[in-house]
Each structure stands twice: as structure tokens, then as C-alpha cells.
Amino acid sequence: MEQTDPVKMAATGAGIAGGAALVAPVAPPLLHGLAGIAVVGLGVVAVGTLVMKATGALKGVEKSAKSTMEKKTFR
């Protein structure tokens, strides 16, 4: 059986706690920034999709109006 060294365990625990203490003040603003970037990205995708659908709908209306006018002029 392997015996654990309490000094090594304490040093590892202190290293983890020290690293967490150094990262803790930076983590919340970083997470808020990442969340903000994600929200902005989703907004850009939504607006792009809306513009593409509106453009497609307007082109469809334009094509149907042209075809209707062509049918009326040739008859």
C-alpha cells in the first residue's frame, strides 16, 4: 500500500488554493465578457437571418409582380 505524504498533500492543497485565490478576482468580469460576446453574436446571427429572409421575400414579391405583368402584357 502506498502511504500519502502529508507535507506533499499540504503543498498541493496550498498551490491549488493559491491559484484559485489569484484567479478569483479576474473570473467574474471574464465570464461576463464572454457572456456578452455570446449575446452579441446571437444578435448578429438573428439580424442576419432576418435580413436574408426579408430580402428573399421582397425578391419573391418582385418576381411574382414581374411575371404577373408579363402575363398581362402578352395576352
C-alpha atoms as a PDB file:
ATOM      1  CA  MET A   1       0.000   0.000   0.000  1.00  0.00           C
ATOM      2  CA  GLU A   2       1.109   3.490  -0.804  1.00  0.00           C
ATOM      3  CA  GLN A   3       1.359   5.917   2.058  1.00  0.00           C
ATOM      4  CA  THR A   4       0.439   9.528   1.476  1.00  0.00           C
ATOM      5  CA  ASP A   5       2.895  12.204   2.450  1.00  0.00           C
ATOM      6  CA  PRO A   6       1.044  14.870   4.469  1.00  0.00           C
ATOM      7  CA  VAL A   7       3.594  17.564   3.609  1.00  0.00           C
ATOM      8  CA  LYS A   8       3.210  16.878  -0.105  1.00  0.00           C
ATOM      9  CA  MET A   9      -0.585  16.912   0.217  1.00  0.00           C
ATOM     10  CA  ALA A  10      -0.482  20.220   2.120  1.00  0.00           C
ATOM     11  CA  ALA A  11       1.800  21.755  -0.506  1.00  0.00           C
ATOM     12  CA  THR A  12      -0.501  20.606  -3.310  1.00  0.00           C
ATOM     13  CA  GLY A  13      -3.548  21.962  -1.483  1.00  0.00           C
ATOM     14  CA  ALA A  14      -1.826  25.284  -0.851  1.00  0.00           C
ATOM     15  CA  GLY A  15      -0.882  25.528  -4.515  1.00  0.00           C
ATOM     16  CA  ILE A  16      -4.449  24.891  -5.644  1.00  0.00           C
ATOM     17  CA  ALA A  17      -5.854  27.350  -3.094  1.00  0.00           C
ATOM     18  CA  GLY A  18      -3.282  29.979  -4.077  1.00  0.00           C
ATOM     19  CA  GLY A  19      -4.067  29.579  -7.756  1.00  0.00           C
ATOM     20  CA  ALA A  20      -7.797  29.853  -7.065  1.00  0.00           C
ATOM     21  CA  ALA A  21      -7.223  32.990  -4.990  1.00  0.00           C
ATOM     22  CA  LEU A  22      -5.281  34.595  -7.830  1.00  0.00           C
ATOM     23  CA  VAL A  23      -7.893  33.708 -10.462  1.00  0.00           C
ATOM     24  CA  ALA A  24     -10.969  34.570  -8.358  1.00  0.00           C
ATOM     25  CA  PRO A  25     -10.917  38.387  -8.866  1.00  0.00           C
ATOM     26  CA  VAL A  26     -10.464  38.011 -12.620  1.00  0.00           C
ATOM     27  CA  ALA A  27     -13.040  35.278 -13.260  1.00  0.00           C
ATOM     28  CA  PRO A  28     -16.360  37.193 -12.868  1.00  0.00           C
ATOM     29  CA  PRO A  29     -15.521  40.028 -15.300  1.00  0.00           C
ATOM     30  CA  LEU A  30     -14.097  37.499 -17.730  1.00  0.00           C
ATOM     31  CA  LEU A  31     -17.258  35.385 -17.564  1.00  0.00           C
ATOM     32  CA  HIS A  32     -19.441  38.471 -18.006  1.00  0.00           C
ATOM     33  CA  GLY A  33     -17.379  39.499 -21.014  1.00  0.00           C
ATOM     34  CA  LEU A  34     -17.672  36.057 -22.602  1.00  0.00           C
ATOM     35  CA  ALA A  35     -21.425  36.024 -21.977  1.00  0.00           C
ATOM     36  CA  GLY A  36     -21.706  39.477 -23.553  1.00  0.00           C
ATOM     37  CA  ILE A  37     -19.800  38.344 -26.618  1.00  0.00           C
ATOM     38  CA  ALA A  38     -22.103  35.328 -26.935  1.00  0.00           C
ATOM     39  CA  VAL A  39     -25.225  37.500 -26.675  1.00  0.00           C
ATOM     40  CA  VAL A  40     -23.913  39.948 -29.264  1.00  0.00           C
ATOM     41  CA  GLY A  41     -23.016  37.056 -31.551  1.00  0.00           C
ATOM     42  CA  LEU A  42     -26.513  35.618 -31.265  1.00  0.00           C
ATOM     43  CA  GLY A  43     -27.971  39.037 -32.020  1.00  0.00           C
ATOM     44  CA  VAL A  44     -25.843  39.361 -35.143  1.00  0.00           C
ATOM     45  CA  VAL A  45     -26.950  35.932 -36.330  1.00  0.00           C
ATOM     46  CA  ALA A  46     -30.609  36.761 -35.674  1.00  0.00           C
ATOM     47  CA  VAL A  47     -30.405  40.076 -37.535  1.00  0.00           C
ATOM     48  CA  GLY A  48     -28.565  38.456 -40.446  1.00  0.00           C
ATOM     49  CA  THR A  49     -31.210  35.755 -40.705  1.00  0.00           C
ATOM     50  CA  LEU A  50     -33.986  38.339 -40.592  1.00  0.00           C
ATOM     51  CA  VAL A  51     -32.343  40.421 -43.327  1.00  0.00           C
ATOM     52  CA  MET A  52     -31.856  37.368 -45.542  1.00  0.00           C
ATOM     53  CA  LYS A  53     -35.495  36.303 -45.115  1.00  0.00           C
ATOM     54  CA  ALA A  54     -36.776  39.824 -45.781  1.00  0.00           C
ATOM     55  CA  THR A  55     -34.585  40.116 -48.869  1.00  0.00           C
ATOM     56  CA  GLY A  56     -35.790  36.743 -50.125  1.00  0.00           C
ATOM     57  CA  ALA A  57     -39.408  37.704 -49.510  1.00  0.00           C
ATOM     58  CA  LEU A  58     -39.001  41.000 -51.340  1.00  0.00           C
ATOM     59  CA  LYS A  59     -37.301  39.296 -54.269  1.00  0.00           C
ATOM     60  CA  GLY A  60     -40.132  36.771 -54.368  1.00  0.00           C
ATOM     61  CA  VAL A  61     -42.712  39.561 -54.449  1.00  0.00           C
ATOM     62  CA  GLU A  62     -40.741  41.343 -57.139  1.00  0.00           C
ATOM     63  CA  LYS A  63     -40.513  38.189 -59.273  1.00  0.00           C
ATOM     64  CA  SER A  64     -44.212  37.428 -58.906  1.00  0.00           C
ATOM     65  CA  ALA A  65     -45.109  41.036 -59.813  1.00  0.00           C
ATOM     66  CA  LYS A  66     -42.908  40.874 -62.906  1.00  0.00           C
ATOM     67  CA  SER A  67     -44.372  37.563 -64.010  1.00  0.00           C
ATOM     68  CA  THR A  68     -47.909  38.890 -63.490  1.00  0.00           C
ATOM     69  CA  MET A  69     -47.139  41.987 -65.560  1.00  0.00           C
ATOM     70  CA  GLU A  70     -45.545  39.861 -68.290  1.00  0.00           C
ATOM     71  CA  LYS A  71     -48.603  37.628 -68.440  1.00  0.00           C
ATOM     72  CA  LYS A  72     -50.920  40.638 -68.716  1.00  0.00           C
ATOM     73  CA  THR A  73     -48.892  42.375 -71.451  1.00  0.00           C
ATOM     74  CA  PHE A  74     -48.579  39.310 -73.663  1.00  0.00           C
ATOM     75  CA  ARG A  75     -52.248  38.331 -73.531  1.00  0.00           C
END
